[in-house]
C-alpha cells in the first residue's frame, strides 16, 4: 500500500518473521544442496545453523533461533558436518508423563565423530547447563540418553541441548525447549 510505514520504496515493502525467513532459508538450502547433492537433510540443516550469524542471546534463543542465515559462510563449509538433532521431545512439547524417565531420541553423528553430550538447563535460554548423558559412539535416529525428570521440581520451561564434537574439537548443537507440567498426570483432566 502506497504511503504505508512498511513501504521502503515504490513496489517494495518491509516484512519480518517466519514468512520472510522461510524463502531465504529455502533458497540457502537449495544453494547448499547444489554444491553438495549427497548431503542429507540434517547435514544441510546443520550447515545452515552453524554458518548463521548469532544476533540474539548467545547460542540458540527463542526470538532469533540460531541467528541470521549467512549464505557466504554456508558455501565455505565444504566438509560433511556433524549432525546434532533432537527428535524427541520436540521443541515446545509439554511433558506431563507420570513416568520420571524421559527418553531423548535423535542423531549425534558424523565422519569425524569424537563424542557427544546431552544437557538440560532451566528456562528457554538457560545460562547454565547440566550434563546428564554422553557418549563416544555415533547414534543415528535412536536413543541418545535418558533424563530423570524427578529432579524437575516445578512446572516451567526447560531446554535440552545436544552437543556433538568432531575429532578437531568443533561443536555442532541442537536445542529443544520443553514445558514440564509437574502437577499434572497423563490423561488428566478427563473429558466427561
N, C-alpha and C. Protein backbone atom coordinates (compact mmCIF):
# COMPACT_ATOMS: atom_id res chain seq x y z
N UNK A 1 0.84 -1.17 0.00
CA UNK A 1 0.00 0.00 0.00
C UNK A 1 0.89 1.24 0.00
N UNK A 2 0.61 2.18 -0.89
CA UNK A 2 1.39 3.40 -1.02
C UNK A 2 1.25 4.22 0.27
N UNK A 3 2.36 4.72 0.77
CA UNK A 3 2.35 5.53 1.99
C UNK A 3 2.38 4.72 3.27
N UNK A 4 2.39 3.39 3.17
CA UNK A 4 2.44 2.54 4.36
C UNK A 4 3.80 2.68 5.03
N UNK A 5 3.83 2.60 6.38
CA UNK A 5 5.13 2.65 7.06
C UNK A 5 6.03 1.46 6.71
N UNK A 6 5.44 0.42 6.14
CA UNK A 6 6.23 -0.74 5.74
C UNK A 6 6.86 -0.56 4.36
N UNK A 7 6.41 0.45 3.62
CA UNK A 7 6.94 0.67 2.27
C UNK A 7 8.33 1.29 2.37
N UNK A 8 9.30 0.63 1.71
CA UNK A 8 10.67 1.15 1.72
C UNK A 8 11.01 1.89 0.43
N UNK A 9 10.29 1.60 -0.64
CA UNK A 9 10.37 2.33 -1.90
C UNK A 9 9.21 1.84 -2.76
N UNK A 10 8.90 2.54 -3.85
CA UNK A 10 7.76 2.10 -4.67
C UNK A 10 7.90 0.63 -5.08
N UNK A 11 6.87 -0.15 -4.76
CA UNK A 11 6.85 -1.56 -5.13
C UNK A 11 7.55 -2.49 -4.14
N UNK A 12 8.11 -1.95 -3.05
CA UNK A 12 8.82 -2.77 -2.06
C UNK A 12 8.33 -2.42 -0.66
N UNK A 13 8.01 -3.48 0.10
CA UNK A 13 7.61 -3.27 1.49
C UNK A 13 8.47 -4.14 2.40
N UNK A 14 8.50 -3.78 3.64
CA UNK A 14 9.31 -4.48 4.65
C UNK A 14 8.41 -5.45 5.42
N UNK A 15 8.83 -6.69 5.52
CA UNK A 15 8.17 -7.69 6.34
C UNK A 15 9.20 -8.36 7.23
N UNK A 16 8.73 -9.02 8.26
CA UNK A 16 9.62 -9.74 9.17
C UNK A 16 8.94 -11.03 9.59
N UNK A 17 9.69 -11.88 10.24
CA UNK A 17 9.13 -13.12 10.78
C UNK A 17 9.37 -14.31 9.87
N UNK A 18 8.70 -15.40 10.22
CA UNK A 18 8.92 -16.66 9.50
C UNK A 18 8.47 -16.59 8.05
N UNK A 19 7.48 -15.73 7.76
CA UNK A 19 7.02 -15.61 6.37
C UNK A 19 8.12 -15.07 5.47
N UNK A 20 9.02 -14.30 6.02
CA UNK A 20 10.14 -13.78 5.23
C UNK A 20 11.37 -14.68 5.37
N UNK A 21 11.53 -15.30 6.52
CA UNK A 21 12.71 -16.15 6.74
C UNK A 21 12.64 -17.44 5.92
N UNK A 22 11.45 -18.02 5.81
CA UNK A 22 11.31 -19.31 5.13
C UNK A 22 11.83 -19.30 3.69
N UNK A 23 11.48 -18.30 2.86
CA UNK A 23 12.01 -18.34 1.49
C UNK A 23 13.52 -18.13 1.43
N UNK A 24 14.06 -17.34 2.36
CA UNK A 24 15.51 -17.14 2.37
C UNK A 24 16.24 -18.42 2.76
N UNK A 25 15.75 -19.08 3.78
CA UNK A 25 16.39 -20.32 4.23
C UNK A 25 16.20 -21.43 3.20
N UNK A 26 15.04 -21.46 2.56
CA UNK A 26 14.81 -22.45 1.49
C UNK A 26 15.79 -22.25 0.34
N UNK A 27 16.00 -21.00 -0.03
CA UNK A 27 16.97 -20.69 -1.08
C UNK A 27 18.37 -21.08 -0.69
N UNK A 28 18.73 -20.84 0.57
CA UNK A 28 20.05 -21.21 1.06
C UNK A 28 20.21 -22.73 1.08
N UNK A 29 19.16 -23.44 1.48
CA UNK A 29 19.21 -24.92 1.46
C UNK A 29 19.43 -25.43 0.05
N UNK A 30 18.75 -24.81 -0.92
CA UNK A 30 18.94 -25.20 -2.33
C UNK A 30 20.37 -24.93 -2.79
N UNK A 31 20.93 -23.80 -2.35
CA UNK A 31 22.31 -23.46 -2.70
C UNK A 31 23.28 -24.49 -2.12
N UNK A 32 23.11 -24.85 -0.86
CA UNK A 32 23.98 -25.84 -0.22
C UNK A 32 23.85 -27.19 -0.94
N UNK A 33 22.61 -27.58 -1.26
CA UNK A 33 22.41 -28.86 -1.97
C UNK A 33 22.99 -28.84 -3.38
N UNK A 34 23.00 -27.67 -4.02
CA UNK A 34 23.59 -27.60 -5.36
C UNK A 34 25.10 -27.84 -5.30
N UNK A 35 25.72 -27.47 -4.20
CA UNK A 35 27.16 -27.69 -4.01
C UNK A 35 27.47 -29.07 -3.46
N UNK A 36 26.52 -29.62 -2.68
CA UNK A 36 26.72 -30.91 -2.01
C UNK A 36 25.46 -31.77 -2.19
N UNK A 37 25.23 -32.29 -3.39
CA UNK A 37 23.98 -33.02 -3.65
C UNK A 37 23.82 -34.30 -2.83
N UNK A 38 24.88 -34.80 -2.22
CA UNK A 38 24.78 -36.03 -1.42
C UNK A 38 24.52 -35.76 0.06
N UNK A 39 24.47 -34.49 0.46
CA UNK A 39 24.20 -34.18 1.87
C UNK A 39 22.76 -34.59 2.22
N UNK A 40 22.59 -35.05 3.44
CA UNK A 40 21.25 -35.38 3.94
C UNK A 40 20.56 -34.09 4.40
N UNK A 41 19.27 -34.19 4.66
CA UNK A 41 18.51 -33.05 5.19
C UNK A 41 19.16 -32.52 6.47
N UNK A 42 19.54 -33.41 7.36
CA UNK A 42 20.15 -32.99 8.63
C UNK A 42 21.50 -32.32 8.42
N UNK A 43 22.28 -32.77 7.43
CA UNK A 43 23.56 -32.12 7.14
C UNK A 43 23.35 -30.72 6.59
N UNK A 44 22.36 -30.54 5.73
CA UNK A 44 22.04 -29.21 5.20
C UNK A 44 21.58 -28.30 6.33
N UNK A 45 20.70 -28.81 7.19
CA UNK A 45 20.22 -28.04 8.34
C UNK A 45 21.39 -27.63 9.24
N UNK A 46 22.31 -28.55 9.46
CA UNK A 46 23.47 -28.26 10.31
C UNK A 46 24.36 -27.20 9.68
N UNK A 47 24.58 -27.28 8.37
CA UNK A 47 25.39 -26.26 7.68
C UNK A 47 24.75 -24.88 7.87
N UNK A 48 23.44 -24.79 7.67
CA UNK A 48 22.75 -23.50 7.79
C UNK A 48 22.84 -22.99 9.23
N UNK A 49 22.60 -23.85 10.20
CA UNK A 49 22.66 -23.42 11.60
C UNK A 49 24.07 -22.98 12.00
N UNK A 50 25.08 -23.76 11.60
CA UNK A 50 26.44 -23.47 12.04
C UNK A 50 27.12 -22.33 11.30
N UNK A 51 26.54 -21.92 10.17
CA UNK A 51 27.11 -20.79 9.44
C UNK A 51 26.34 -19.49 9.73
N UNK A 52 25.30 -19.58 10.54
CA UNK A 52 24.50 -18.40 10.87
C UNK A 52 25.26 -17.43 11.74
N UNK A 53 24.88 -16.16 11.64
CA UNK A 53 25.44 -15.10 12.48
C UNK A 53 24.55 -14.96 13.70
N UNK A 54 25.10 -15.17 14.88
CA UNK A 54 24.35 -15.08 16.13
C UNK A 54 23.96 -13.62 16.37
N UNK A 55 22.66 -13.32 16.42
CA UNK A 55 22.23 -11.93 16.55
C UNK A 55 21.42 -11.67 17.82
N UNK A 56 21.09 -12.68 18.58
CA UNK A 56 20.31 -12.50 19.80
C UNK A 56 21.14 -12.90 21.00
N UNK A 57 20.48 -13.53 21.97
CA UNK A 57 21.20 -14.08 23.11
C UNK A 57 22.22 -15.09 22.58
N UNK A 58 23.34 -15.27 23.27
CA UNK A 58 24.36 -16.21 22.79
C UNK A 58 23.78 -17.61 22.57
N UNK A 59 24.12 -18.22 21.44
CA UNK A 59 23.60 -19.53 21.10
C UNK A 59 22.17 -19.44 20.61
N UNK A 60 21.47 -20.55 20.63
CA UNK A 60 20.07 -20.58 20.22
C UNK A 60 19.23 -19.77 21.18
N UNK A 61 18.30 -18.98 20.66
CA UNK A 61 17.34 -18.30 21.52
C UNK A 61 15.97 -18.29 20.86
N UNK A 62 14.95 -18.07 21.65
CA UNK A 62 13.57 -18.20 21.19
C UNK A 62 13.19 -17.13 20.17
N UNK A 63 13.81 -15.97 20.21
CA UNK A 63 13.45 -14.89 19.29
C UNK A 63 14.15 -14.97 17.95
N UNK A 64 15.43 -15.37 17.94
CA UNK A 64 16.18 -15.37 16.69
C UNK A 64 16.68 -16.75 16.29
N UNK A 65 16.30 -17.78 17.04
CA UNK A 65 16.72 -19.14 16.72
C UNK A 65 18.24 -19.26 16.72
N UNK A 66 18.80 -19.74 15.63
CA UNK A 66 20.24 -19.90 15.51
C UNK A 66 20.90 -18.64 14.95
N UNK A 67 20.09 -17.62 14.60
CA UNK A 67 20.65 -16.36 14.12
C UNK A 67 20.23 -16.06 12.69
N UNK A 68 20.97 -15.16 12.06
CA UNK A 68 20.71 -14.74 10.68
C UNK A 68 21.47 -15.65 9.72
N UNK A 69 20.76 -16.21 8.75
CA UNK A 69 21.40 -17.08 7.77
C UNK A 69 22.49 -16.32 7.02
N UNK A 70 23.62 -16.98 6.79
CA UNK A 70 24.75 -16.35 6.10
C UNK A 70 25.18 -17.26 4.95
N UNK A 71 24.68 -16.95 3.75
CA UNK A 71 24.97 -17.78 2.58
C UNK A 71 26.46 -17.83 2.27
N UNK A 72 27.15 -16.71 2.45
CA UNK A 72 28.58 -16.66 2.18
C UNK A 72 29.36 -17.65 3.03
N UNK A 73 29.02 -17.74 4.30
CA UNK A 73 29.68 -18.70 5.19
C UNK A 73 29.23 -20.12 4.91
N UNK A 74 27.96 -20.30 4.59
CA UNK A 74 27.43 -21.64 4.34
C UNK A 74 28.14 -22.31 3.17
N UNK A 75 28.43 -21.57 2.10
CA UNK A 75 29.08 -22.19 0.94
C UNK A 75 30.56 -22.47 1.19
N UNK A 76 31.13 -21.87 2.23
CA UNK A 76 32.53 -22.13 2.56
C UNK A 76 32.72 -23.42 3.34
N UNK A 77 31.64 -23.94 3.94
CA UNK A 77 31.73 -25.18 4.71
C UNK A 77 31.66 -26.36 3.75
N UNK A 78 32.81 -26.94 3.47
CA UNK A 78 32.88 -28.00 2.46
C UNK A 78 32.81 -29.41 3.01
N UNK A 79 33.20 -29.58 4.26
CA UNK A 79 33.19 -30.92 4.83
C UNK A 79 31.79 -31.31 5.26
N UNK A 80 31.53 -32.59 5.25
CA UNK A 80 30.27 -33.09 5.77
C UNK A 80 30.23 -32.76 7.26
N UNK A 81 29.21 -32.04 7.72
CA UNK A 81 29.17 -31.62 9.12
C UNK A 81 28.71 -32.75 10.03
N UNK A 82 28.99 -32.58 11.31
CA UNK A 82 28.40 -33.47 12.29
C UNK A 82 26.93 -33.11 12.40
N UNK A 83 26.10 -34.10 12.60
CA UNK A 83 24.67 -33.85 12.76
C UNK A 83 24.33 -33.96 14.25
N UNK A 84 23.72 -32.90 14.76
CA UNK A 84 23.18 -32.86 16.11
C UNK A 84 21.69 -32.60 15.94
N UNK A 85 20.86 -33.58 16.25
CA UNK A 85 19.41 -33.44 16.06
C UNK A 85 18.66 -34.13 17.19
N UNK A 86 17.80 -33.37 17.86
CA UNK A 86 16.91 -33.93 18.88
C UNK A 86 15.55 -34.11 18.23
N UNK A 87 15.09 -35.35 18.14
CA UNK A 87 13.79 -35.65 17.52
C UNK A 87 12.69 -35.85 18.55
N UNK A 88 13.05 -36.17 19.79
CA UNK A 88 12.10 -36.27 20.89
C UNK A 88 12.83 -35.97 22.18
N UNK A 89 12.24 -35.12 23.01
CA UNK A 89 11.00 -34.39 22.82
C UNK A 89 11.17 -33.23 21.85
N UNK A 90 10.08 -32.90 21.17
CA UNK A 90 10.09 -31.81 20.20
C UNK A 90 10.08 -30.46 20.89
N UNK A 91 10.64 -29.42 20.26
CA UNK A 91 10.59 -28.08 20.85
C UNK A 91 9.15 -27.66 21.14
N UNK A 92 8.93 -27.14 22.34
CA UNK A 92 7.60 -26.68 22.74
C UNK A 92 6.70 -27.76 23.29
N UNK A 93 7.16 -29.00 23.27
CA UNK A 93 6.33 -30.11 23.74
C UNK A 93 6.08 -30.00 25.23
N UNK A 94 4.85 -30.34 25.64
CA UNK A 94 4.50 -30.40 27.06
C UNK A 94 4.76 -31.81 27.54
N UNK A 95 5.49 -31.92 28.63
CA UNK A 95 5.81 -33.23 29.20
C UNK A 95 5.03 -33.37 30.49
N UNK A 96 4.03 -34.25 30.46
CA UNK A 96 3.15 -34.45 31.61
C UNK A 96 3.16 -35.89 32.08
N UNK A 97 4.06 -36.68 31.53
CA UNK A 97 4.09 -38.10 31.83
C UNK A 97 4.29 -38.34 33.32
N UNK A 98 3.58 -39.34 33.84
CA UNK A 98 3.77 -39.71 35.24
C UNK A 98 5.08 -40.46 35.41
N UNK A 99 5.65 -40.93 34.31
CA UNK A 99 6.95 -41.58 34.36
C UNK A 99 8.03 -40.52 34.52
N UNK A 100 8.98 -40.75 35.38
CA UNK A 100 10.05 -39.78 35.59
C UNK A 100 11.16 -39.90 34.56
N UNK A 101 11.17 -40.97 33.77
CA UNK A 101 12.25 -41.20 32.82
C UNK A 101 11.85 -40.71 31.43
N UNK A 102 12.57 -39.69 30.93
CA UNK A 102 12.31 -39.14 29.60
C UNK A 102 13.41 -39.65 28.68
N UNK A 103 13.03 -40.37 27.64
CA UNK A 103 13.99 -40.92 26.68
C UNK A 103 14.20 -39.89 25.58
N UNK A 104 15.44 -39.42 25.43
CA UNK A 104 15.78 -38.42 24.43
C UNK A 104 16.20 -39.16 23.16
N UNK A 105 15.50 -38.87 22.05
CA UNK A 105 15.77 -39.53 20.77
C UNK A 105 16.39 -38.54 19.80
N UNK A 106 17.26 -39.02 18.92
CA UNK A 106 17.82 -38.14 17.91
C UNK A 106 19.05 -38.72 17.25
N UNK A 107 19.88 -37.81 16.72
CA UNK A 107 21.09 -38.20 16.00
C UNK A 107 22.28 -37.38 16.49
N UNK A 108 23.39 -38.06 16.71
CA UNK A 108 24.69 -37.46 17.04
C UNK A 108 25.71 -38.25 16.22
N UNK A 109 26.08 -37.69 15.07
CA UNK A 109 26.89 -38.49 14.14
C UNK A 109 27.64 -37.62 13.15
N UNK A 110 28.77 -38.13 12.66
CA UNK A 110 29.49 -37.54 11.53
C UNK A 110 30.69 -38.43 11.21
N UNK A 111 31.33 -38.12 10.09
CA UNK A 111 32.50 -38.91 9.67
C UNK A 111 33.66 -38.77 10.65
N UNK A 112 33.80 -37.57 11.22
CA UNK A 112 34.92 -37.31 12.15
C UNK A 112 34.42 -37.21 13.59
N UNK A 113 33.40 -38.02 13.93
CA UNK A 113 32.77 -38.00 15.25
C UNK A 113 33.79 -38.31 16.36
N UNK A 114 33.69 -37.56 17.47
CA UNK A 114 34.50 -37.84 18.64
C UNK A 114 33.64 -38.23 19.83
N UNK A 115 32.70 -37.35 20.22
CA UNK A 115 31.77 -37.67 21.31
C UNK A 115 30.61 -36.68 21.30
N UNK A 116 29.62 -36.94 22.17
CA UNK A 116 28.51 -36.01 22.33
C UNK A 116 28.13 -35.89 23.79
N UNK A 117 27.45 -34.78 24.11
CA UNK A 117 26.89 -34.58 25.45
C UNK A 117 25.43 -34.16 25.32
N UNK A 118 24.63 -34.57 26.30
CA UNK A 118 23.25 -34.12 26.44
C UNK A 118 23.17 -33.35 27.75
N UNK A 119 22.56 -32.16 27.68
CA UNK A 119 22.47 -31.30 28.86
C UNK A 119 21.04 -30.80 29.02
N UNK A 120 20.74 -30.33 30.22
CA UNK A 120 19.47 -29.66 30.49
C UNK A 120 19.75 -28.37 31.23
N UNK A 121 18.93 -27.37 30.94
CA UNK A 121 19.03 -26.09 31.63
C UNK A 121 17.64 -25.55 31.88
N UNK A 122 17.48 -24.77 32.93
CA UNK A 122 16.18 -24.21 33.26
C UNK A 122 15.89 -22.99 32.41
N UNK A 123 14.70 -22.95 31.82
CA UNK A 123 14.28 -21.83 31.00
C UNK A 123 14.41 -22.12 29.51
N UNK A 124 13.99 -21.13 28.71
CA UNK A 124 14.07 -21.27 27.26
C UNK A 124 15.47 -20.96 26.77
N UNK A 125 16.15 -20.02 27.42
CA UNK A 125 17.53 -19.66 27.10
C UNK A 125 18.39 -19.79 28.36
N UNK A 126 18.69 -21.02 28.77
CA UNK A 126 19.42 -21.21 30.03
C UNK A 126 20.80 -20.55 30.03
N UNK A 127 21.20 -20.07 31.21
CA UNK A 127 22.55 -19.52 31.36
C UNK A 127 23.51 -20.59 31.88
N UNK A 128 22.96 -21.63 32.48
CA UNK A 128 23.79 -22.75 32.96
C UNK A 128 23.17 -24.06 32.47
N UNK A 129 24.04 -25.03 32.25
CA UNK A 129 23.63 -26.33 31.74
C UNK A 129 24.20 -27.43 32.62
N UNK A 130 23.47 -28.54 32.73
CA UNK A 130 23.93 -29.71 33.48
C UNK A 130 23.94 -30.91 32.55
N UNK A 131 25.10 -31.56 32.44
CA UNK A 131 25.23 -32.77 31.60
C UNK A 131 24.53 -33.92 32.31
N UNK A 132 23.66 -34.63 31.58
CA UNK A 132 23.02 -35.81 32.15
C UNK A 132 23.28 -37.07 31.34
N UNK A 133 23.89 -36.94 30.17
CA UNK A 133 24.23 -38.12 29.36
C UNK A 133 25.33 -37.74 28.38
N UNK A 134 26.11 -38.73 27.97
CA UNK A 134 27.16 -38.51 26.97
C UNK A 134 27.48 -39.85 26.31
N UNK A 135 28.21 -39.76 25.20
CA UNK A 135 28.57 -40.99 24.53
C UNK A 135 29.74 -40.80 23.59
N UNK A 136 30.42 -41.88 23.31
CA UNK A 136 31.57 -41.86 22.41
C UNK A 136 31.31 -42.68 21.14
N UNK A 137 30.06 -43.12 20.96
CA UNK A 137 29.66 -43.86 19.78
C UNK A 137 28.61 -43.04 19.02
N UNK A 138 28.77 -42.87 17.70
CA UNK A 138 27.74 -42.14 16.94
C UNK A 138 26.38 -42.82 17.04
N UNK A 139 25.33 -42.02 17.05
CA UNK A 139 23.96 -42.53 17.13
C UNK A 139 23.16 -41.88 16.01
N UNK A 140 22.42 -42.68 15.26
CA UNK A 140 21.58 -42.16 14.18
C UNK A 140 20.13 -42.55 14.42
N UNK A 141 19.30 -41.57 14.75
CA UNK A 141 17.87 -41.79 14.91
C UNK A 141 17.51 -42.79 15.98
N UNK A 142 18.15 -42.70 17.13
CA UNK A 142 17.90 -43.65 18.19
C UNK A 142 18.01 -42.94 19.54
N UNK A 143 18.08 -43.71 20.60
CA UNK A 143 18.14 -43.14 21.95
C UNK A 143 19.51 -42.53 22.20
N UNK A 144 19.49 -41.23 22.54
CA UNK A 144 20.72 -40.51 22.89
C UNK A 144 21.01 -40.61 24.39
N UNK A 145 19.96 -40.67 25.17
CA UNK A 145 20.12 -40.74 26.61
C UNK A 145 18.77 -40.67 27.29
N UNK A 146 18.79 -40.76 28.62
CA UNK A 146 17.57 -40.69 29.41
C UNK A 146 17.73 -39.64 30.48
N UNK A 147 16.68 -38.86 30.68
CA UNK A 147 16.69 -37.82 31.71
C UNK A 147 15.68 -38.18 32.78
N UNK A 148 16.11 -38.17 34.04
CA UNK A 148 15.22 -38.44 35.15
C UNK A 148 14.57 -37.12 35.57
N UNK A 149 13.30 -36.95 35.21
CA UNK A 149 12.61 -35.69 35.47
C UNK A 149 12.21 -35.52 36.93
N UNK A 150 12.53 -36.49 37.79
CA UNK A 150 12.25 -36.32 39.22
C UNK A 150 13.02 -35.12 39.78
N UNK A 151 14.12 -34.75 39.11
CA UNK A 151 14.90 -33.59 39.56
C UNK A 151 14.25 -32.26 39.20
N UNK A 152 13.23 -32.29 38.32
CA UNK A 152 12.49 -31.07 37.97
C UNK A 152 11.42 -30.89 39.04
N UNK A 153 11.51 -29.80 39.78
CA UNK A 153 10.65 -29.62 40.95
C UNK A 153 9.44 -28.74 40.72
N UNK A 154 9.40 -28.02 39.60
CA UNK A 154 8.26 -27.14 39.35
C UNK A 154 7.89 -27.13 37.87
N UNK A 155 6.66 -26.76 37.59
CA UNK A 155 6.22 -26.62 36.20
C UNK A 155 6.88 -25.40 35.60
N UNK A 156 7.62 -25.61 34.51
CA UNK A 156 8.32 -24.50 33.87
C UNK A 156 8.96 -25.00 32.58
N UNK A 157 9.49 -24.04 31.82
CA UNK A 157 10.24 -24.41 30.62
C UNK A 157 11.64 -24.84 31.02
N UNK A 158 12.10 -25.88 30.35
CA UNK A 158 13.47 -26.36 30.45
C UNK A 158 13.94 -26.62 29.03
N UNK A 159 15.24 -26.58 28.82
CA UNK A 159 15.77 -26.82 27.48
C UNK A 159 16.77 -27.96 27.50
N UNK A 160 16.62 -28.85 26.52
CA UNK A 160 17.60 -29.89 26.29
C UNK A 160 18.58 -29.38 25.24
N UNK A 161 19.87 -29.67 25.43
CA UNK A 161 20.89 -29.29 24.44
C UNK A 161 21.76 -30.50 24.14
N UNK A 162 21.89 -30.79 22.85
CA UNK A 162 22.77 -31.84 22.37
C UNK A 162 23.97 -31.17 21.71
N UNK A 163 25.17 -31.54 22.13
CA UNK A 163 26.39 -31.02 21.52
C UNK A 163 27.20 -32.19 20.99
N UNK A 164 27.51 -32.14 19.70
CA UNK A 164 28.33 -33.17 19.05
C UNK A 164 29.69 -32.55 18.78
N UNK A 165 30.75 -33.27 19.14
CA UNK A 165 32.12 -32.81 18.94
C UNK A 165 32.78 -33.67 17.88
N UNK A 166 33.46 -33.03 16.92
CA UNK A 166 34.21 -33.82 15.96
C UNK A 166 35.65 -33.98 16.46
N UNK A 167 36.45 -34.72 15.73
CA UNK A 167 37.82 -35.02 16.18
C UNK A 167 38.71 -33.78 16.21
N UNK A 168 38.31 -32.71 15.51
CA UNK A 168 39.07 -31.44 15.53
C UNK A 168 38.61 -30.52 16.66
N UNK A 169 37.59 -30.94 17.43
CA UNK A 169 37.10 -30.14 18.54
C UNK A 169 35.98 -29.17 18.18
N UNK A 170 35.54 -29.17 16.93
CA UNK A 170 34.44 -28.30 16.52
C UNK A 170 33.13 -28.85 17.07
N UNK A 171 32.24 -27.94 17.47
CA UNK A 171 30.97 -28.36 18.07
C UNK A 171 29.80 -28.08 17.13
N UNK A 172 28.78 -28.93 17.23
CA UNK A 172 27.54 -28.82 16.49
C UNK A 172 26.42 -29.03 17.49
N UNK A 173 25.44 -28.09 17.53
CA UNK A 173 24.44 -28.14 18.60
C UNK A 173 23.01 -28.18 18.08
N UNK A 174 22.16 -28.78 18.91
CA UNK A 174 20.71 -28.76 18.70
C UNK A 174 20.06 -28.50 20.05
N UNK A 175 18.92 -27.81 20.02
CA UNK A 175 18.21 -27.43 21.24
C UNK A 175 16.76 -27.86 21.13
N UNK A 176 16.17 -28.16 22.29
CA UNK A 176 14.74 -28.47 22.33
C UNK A 176 14.17 -27.97 23.65
N UNK A 177 13.60 -26.74 23.66
CA UNK A 177 12.94 -26.25 24.88
C UNK A 177 11.59 -26.94 25.04
N UNK A 178 11.31 -27.44 26.24
CA UNK A 178 10.06 -28.16 26.52
C UNK A 178 9.43 -27.60 27.79
N UNK A 179 8.15 -27.89 27.96
CA UNK A 179 7.42 -27.43 29.15
C UNK A 179 7.12 -28.63 30.03
N UNK A 180 7.72 -28.66 31.21
CA UNK A 180 7.40 -29.70 32.18
C UNK A 180 6.20 -29.24 33.00
N UNK A 181 5.18 -30.09 33.06
CA UNK A 181 4.00 -29.83 33.87
C UNK A 181 4.00 -30.85 34.99
N UNK A 182 4.58 -30.48 36.12
CA UNK A 182 4.84 -31.44 37.20
C UNK A 182 3.60 -31.82 38.00
N UNK A 183 2.58 -30.97 38.04
CA UNK A 183 1.44 -31.28 38.88
C UNK A 183 0.28 -31.91 38.12
N UNK A 184 0.54 -32.31 36.87
CA UNK A 184 -0.48 -32.99 36.08
C UNK A 184 -0.09 -34.44 35.87
N UNK A 185 -1.06 -35.25 35.61
CA UNK A 185 -0.81 -36.67 35.34
C UNK A 185 -1.34 -36.99 33.95
N UNK A 186 -0.75 -37.97 33.31
CA UNK A 186 -1.19 -38.37 31.98
C UNK A 186 -2.68 -38.66 31.99
N UNK A 187 -3.41 -38.09 31.03
CA UNK A 187 -4.83 -38.34 30.91
C UNK A 187 -5.71 -37.47 31.79
N UNK A 188 -5.12 -36.55 32.55
CA UNK A 188 -5.89 -35.71 33.44
C UNK A 188 -5.82 -34.26 32.97
N UNK A 189 -6.84 -33.46 32.94
CA UNK A 189 -8.20 -33.88 33.34
C UNK A 189 -8.88 -34.67 32.24
N UNK A 190 -9.78 -35.51 32.65
CA UNK A 190 -10.50 -36.34 31.67
C UNK A 190 -11.73 -35.58 31.19
N UNK A 191 -12.08 -35.81 29.91
CA UNK A 191 -13.31 -35.24 29.38
C UNK A 191 -14.48 -36.08 29.85
N UNK A 192 -15.51 -35.44 30.36
CA UNK A 192 -16.70 -36.19 30.83
C UNK A 192 -17.85 -35.94 29.92
